[in-house]
Amino acid sequence: MTPRDRMWQLVLIVGAIGFSWLGLQVVHEAGHVLHAYASGGTVARVVLRPTTISETLVLPNPHPRFVAWGGPVWGCAIPLVIWGVAWAAARRFAFLARFFAGSCLVANGAYLGASAFAGGPALDGQVILAHGGSMWTLLLFSFVAIAAGLRTWSGLGPRFGFGADGGRVDREAAIVAAVLMVMLVLAEWAAAAW
């Protein structure tokens, strides 16, 4: 592998991870917003910044458990739809959407499970439990989402230059991943300045 191959591999990996991290927060918070509006709540604030953890404040929130479930449910479902659309429309780059979907499944599952045990009262798991949700439902969702995410990631190594390809990756895919990450960073900074 040449240093140039290694550079493109690094661009692809950093771009995919960066886009997935920022994107998973966007779809998670979109789920809270959807459920807030669907339940008659008022979205007071959505925090999406590249340097902070996202959050949605709903005041009044007549159905906090429903709103809390919106983040993890839509945070998993929307990326799966994106993967399906990418598979149908741009198969060459669908592995990036697949990585994103796997990231969202693992992150939402881990977050919901962990937030049921630790953290402040505003974390989704704590809100769900405080408003009549059951621990076994949280743990089941967490287990299924994490397992599905790991399964979704399975076999992606060669697309990221690991294995027999020896670091060689699709350079256009690396550019797409990096551009998506930069676009999300700029959009979040612009939204924060609003």
Protein backbone atom coordinates (compact mmCIF):
# COMPACT_ATOMS: atom_id res chain seq x y z
CA MET A 1 0.00 0.00 0.00
CA THR A 2 1.27 3.44 -0.91
CA PRO A 3 1.08 6.51 1.31
CA ARG A 4 -1.51 7.88 -1.15
CA ASP A 5 -3.67 4.78 -0.64
CA ARG A 6 -3.37 5.24 3.13
CA MET A 7 -4.39 8.89 2.82
CA TRP A 8 -7.57 8.00 0.88
CA GLN A 9 -8.36 5.26 3.36
CA LEU A 10 -8.02 7.77 6.20
CA VAL A 11 -10.25 10.30 4.38
CA LEU A 12 -12.90 7.62 3.91
CA ILE A 13 -12.78 6.40 7.52
CA VAL A 14 -12.76 9.87 9.10
CA GLY A 15 -15.49 11.07 6.74
CA ALA A 16 -17.71 8.05 7.37
CA ILE A 17 -17.28 8.18 11.15
CA GLY A 18 -17.71 11.97 11.30
CA PHE A 19 -20.80 11.96 9.10
CA SER A 20 -22.27 9.03 11.01
CA TRP A 21 -21.73 10.65 14.40
CA LEU A 22 -23.27 13.96 13.37
CA GLY A 23 -25.98 12.34 11.28
CA LEU A 24 -27.06 9.96 14.02
CA GLN A 25 -27.69 12.92 16.29
CA VAL A 26 -29.77 14.60 13.56
CA VAL A 27 -32.03 11.58 12.98
CA HIS A 28 -32.33 10.91 16.72
CA GLU A 29 -33.45 14.47 17.44
CA ALA A 30 -35.73 14.43 14.39
CA GLY A 31 -37.50 11.49 16.02
CA HIS A 32 -38.06 13.48 19.21
CA VAL A 33 -39.38 16.41 17.16
CA LEU A 34 -41.75 14.19 15.16
CA HIS A 35 -43.14 12.60 18.30
CA ALA A 36 -43.41 15.95 20.07
CA TYR A 37 -45.53 17.44 17.32
CA ALA A 38 -47.56 14.24 16.91
CA SER A 39 -48.43 14.26 20.62
CA GLY A 40 -49.32 17.95 20.91
CA GLY A 41 -46.04 19.05 22.45
CA THR A 42 -44.15 22.21 21.59
CA VAL A 43 -40.49 22.02 20.59
CA ALA A 44 -38.78 24.79 22.51
CA ARG A 45 -35.23 24.07 21.34
CA VAL A 46 -33.15 21.56 19.39
CA VAL A 47 -29.41 21.61 20.02
CA LEU A 48 -27.32 20.25 17.15
CA ARG A 49 -23.71 21.36 17.19
CA PRO A 50 -20.63 19.51 15.99
CA THR A 51 -18.92 19.95 19.36
CA THR A 52 -21.75 18.98 21.74
CA ILE A 53 -24.18 16.16 22.37
CA SER A 54 -27.55 16.87 20.80
CA GLU A 55 -30.76 17.44 22.73
CA THR A 56 -34.38 18.40 22.18
CA LEU A 57 -36.35 20.40 24.72
CA VAL A 58 -40.13 19.99 24.51
CA LEU A 59 -42.25 22.39 26.61
CA PRO A 60 -45.02 21.65 27.20
CA ASN A 61 -44.57 17.92 26.78
CA PRO A 62 -47.91 16.19 27.39
CA HIS A 63 -46.54 12.72 26.50
CA PRO A 64 -42.89 12.53 27.61
CA ARG A 65 -42.58 8.75 27.25
CA PHE A 66 -43.84 8.87 23.65
CA VAL A 67 -41.48 11.75 22.84
CA ALA A 68 -38.54 9.96 24.48
CA TRP A 69 -39.16 6.83 22.40
CA GLY A 70 -39.21 8.93 19.21
CA GLY A 71 -35.45 9.56 19.28
CA PRO A 72 -34.25 5.96 19.35
CA VAL A 73 -37.06 4.57 17.16
CA TRP A 74 -36.69 7.10 14.33
CA GLY A 75 -32.95 7.29 14.98
CA CYS A 76 -32.83 3.66 13.86
CA ALA A 77 -35.60 3.66 11.24
CA ILE A 78 -34.60 6.72 9.19
CA PRO A 79 -31.03 5.47 8.52
CA LEU A 80 -32.38 2.09 7.42
CA VAL A 81 -34.63 3.88 4.91
CA ILE A 82 -31.65 5.97 3.74
CA TRP A 83 -29.67 2.76 3.24
CA GLY A 84 -32.52 1.28 1.20
CA VAL A 85 -32.75 4.39 -0.98
CA ALA A 86 -28.97 4.46 -1.45
CA TRP A 87 -29.01 0.77 -2.40
CA ALA A 88 -31.65 1.46 -5.05
CA ALA A 89 -30.27 4.77 -6.36
CA ALA A 90 -26.49 4.75 -5.87
CA ARG A 91 -25.36 1.20 -5.18
CA ARG A 92 -21.68 2.13 -5.46
CA PHE A 93 -21.97 4.36 -2.40
CA ALA A 94 -24.61 2.34 -0.53
CA PHE A 95 -21.94 0.96 1.80
CA LEU A 96 -21.62 4.45 3.30
CA ALA A 97 -25.36 4.48 4.07
CA ARG A 98 -24.99 0.94 5.43
CA PHE A 99 -22.21 2.08 7.75
CA PHE A 100 -24.36 5.03 8.83
CA ALA A 101 -27.34 2.74 9.51
CA GLY A 102 -25.18 0.36 11.55
CA SER A 103 -23.76 3.27 13.52
CA CYS A 104 -27.24 4.58 14.31
CA LEU A 105 -28.50 1.17 15.40
CA VAL A 106 -25.52 0.55 17.69
CA ALA A 107 -25.47 4.09 19.12
CA ASN A 108 -29.23 4.32 19.76
CA GLY A 109 -29.33 0.85 21.27
CA ALA A 110 -26.34 1.47 23.52
CA TYR A 111 -27.58 4.92 24.53
CA LEU A 112 -31.09 3.77 25.41
CA GLY A 113 -29.81 0.79 27.40
CA ALA A 114 -27.16 2.78 29.24
CA SER A 115 -29.45 5.72 29.94
CA ALA A 116 -31.87 3.38 31.69
CA PHE A 117 -29.23 2.74 34.36
CA ALA A 118 -27.23 5.93 34.63
CA GLY A 119 -27.39 9.60 33.93
CA GLY A 120 -29.66 12.46 34.62
CA PRO A 121 -33.44 12.48 34.61
CA ALA A 122 -33.56 14.06 31.13
CA LEU A 123 -31.96 11.06 29.39
CA ASP A 124 -34.35 9.03 27.25
CA GLY A 125 -34.15 5.81 29.25
CA GLN A 126 -34.78 7.62 32.52
CA VAL A 127 -37.71 9.56 31.03
CA ILE A 128 -39.29 6.36 29.69
CA LEU A 129 -38.94 4.61 33.06
CA ALA A 130 -40.18 7.62 35.03
CA HIS A 131 -43.34 7.74 32.93
CA GLY A 132 -44.39 4.11 33.14
CA GLY A 133 -42.08 2.37 30.70
CA SER A 134 -40.60 -0.99 31.58
CA MET A 135 -36.94 -1.87 31.96
CA TRP A 136 -37.32 -5.08 29.95
CA THR A 137 -38.66 -3.11 26.95
CA LEU A 138 -35.66 -0.77 27.07
CA LEU A 139 -33.23 -3.66 27.36
CA LEU A 140 -34.92 -5.61 24.56
CA PHE A 141 -34.80 -2.58 22.24
CA SER A 142 -31.18 -2.01 23.21
CA PHE A 143 -30.17 -5.64 22.55
CA VAL A 144 -32.00 -5.87 19.21
CA ALA A 145 -30.70 -2.52 17.96
CA ILE A 146 -27.08 -3.26 18.90
CA ALA A 147 -27.22 -6.77 17.40
CA ALA A 148 -28.80 -5.43 14.20
CA GLY A 149 -26.18 -2.68 14.00
CA LEU A 150 -23.30 -5.11 14.39
CA ARG A 151 -24.87 -7.35 11.74
CA THR A 152 -25.28 -4.34 9.44
CA TRP A 153 -21.59 -3.50 9.80
CA SER A 154 -20.56 -7.10 9.15
CA GLY A 155 -18.50 -7.47 5.98
CA LEU A 156 -17.82 -3.76 5.47
CA GLY A 157 -14.10 -4.01 6.28
CA PRO A 158 -12.91 -4.48 2.67
CA ARG A 159 -14.86 -1.37 1.54
CA PHE A 160 -12.80 0.60 4.08
CA GLY A 161 -9.52 -0.91 2.90
CA PHE A 162 -9.13 -3.65 5.49
CA GLY A 163 -8.29 -7.19 4.46
CA ALA A 164 -7.16 -8.35 1.03
CA ASP A 165 -7.42 -4.89 -0.58
CA GLY A 166 -4.52 -3.67 1.54
CA GLY A 167 -5.77 -0.16 2.19
CA ARG A 168 -7.11 0.59 -1.28
CA VAL A 169 -10.52 2.26 -1.21
CA ASP A 170 -12.90 3.91 -3.65
CA ARG A 171 -11.56 7.47 -3.82
CA GLU A 172 -14.88 8.92 -4.96
CA ALA A 173 -16.57 7.28 -1.96
CA ALA A 174 -13.91 8.86 0.27
CA ILE A 175 -14.71 12.27 -1.24
CA VAL A 176 -18.47 11.71 -0.79
CA ALA A 177 -17.97 10.74 2.88
CA ALA A 178 -15.74 13.75 3.56
CA VAL A 179 -18.11 16.16 1.77
CA LEU A 180 -21.11 14.81 3.71
CA MET A 181 -19.24 15.28 6.99
CA VAL A 182 -18.18 18.84 6.11
CA MET A 183 -21.72 19.72 4.97
CA LEU A 184 -23.17 18.52 8.28
CA VAL A 185 -20.56 20.43 10.29
CA LEU A 186 -21.29 23.63 8.34
CA ALA A 187 -25.06 23.15 8.57
CA GLU A 188 -24.89 22.61 12.35
CA TRP A 189 -22.65 25.64 12.87
CA ALA A 190 -24.96 27.75 10.70
CA ALA A 191 -28.02 26.53 12.61
CA ALA A 192 -26.31 27.23 15.94
CA ALA A 193 -25.60 30.80 14.86
CA TRP A 194 -29.28 31.39 14.03
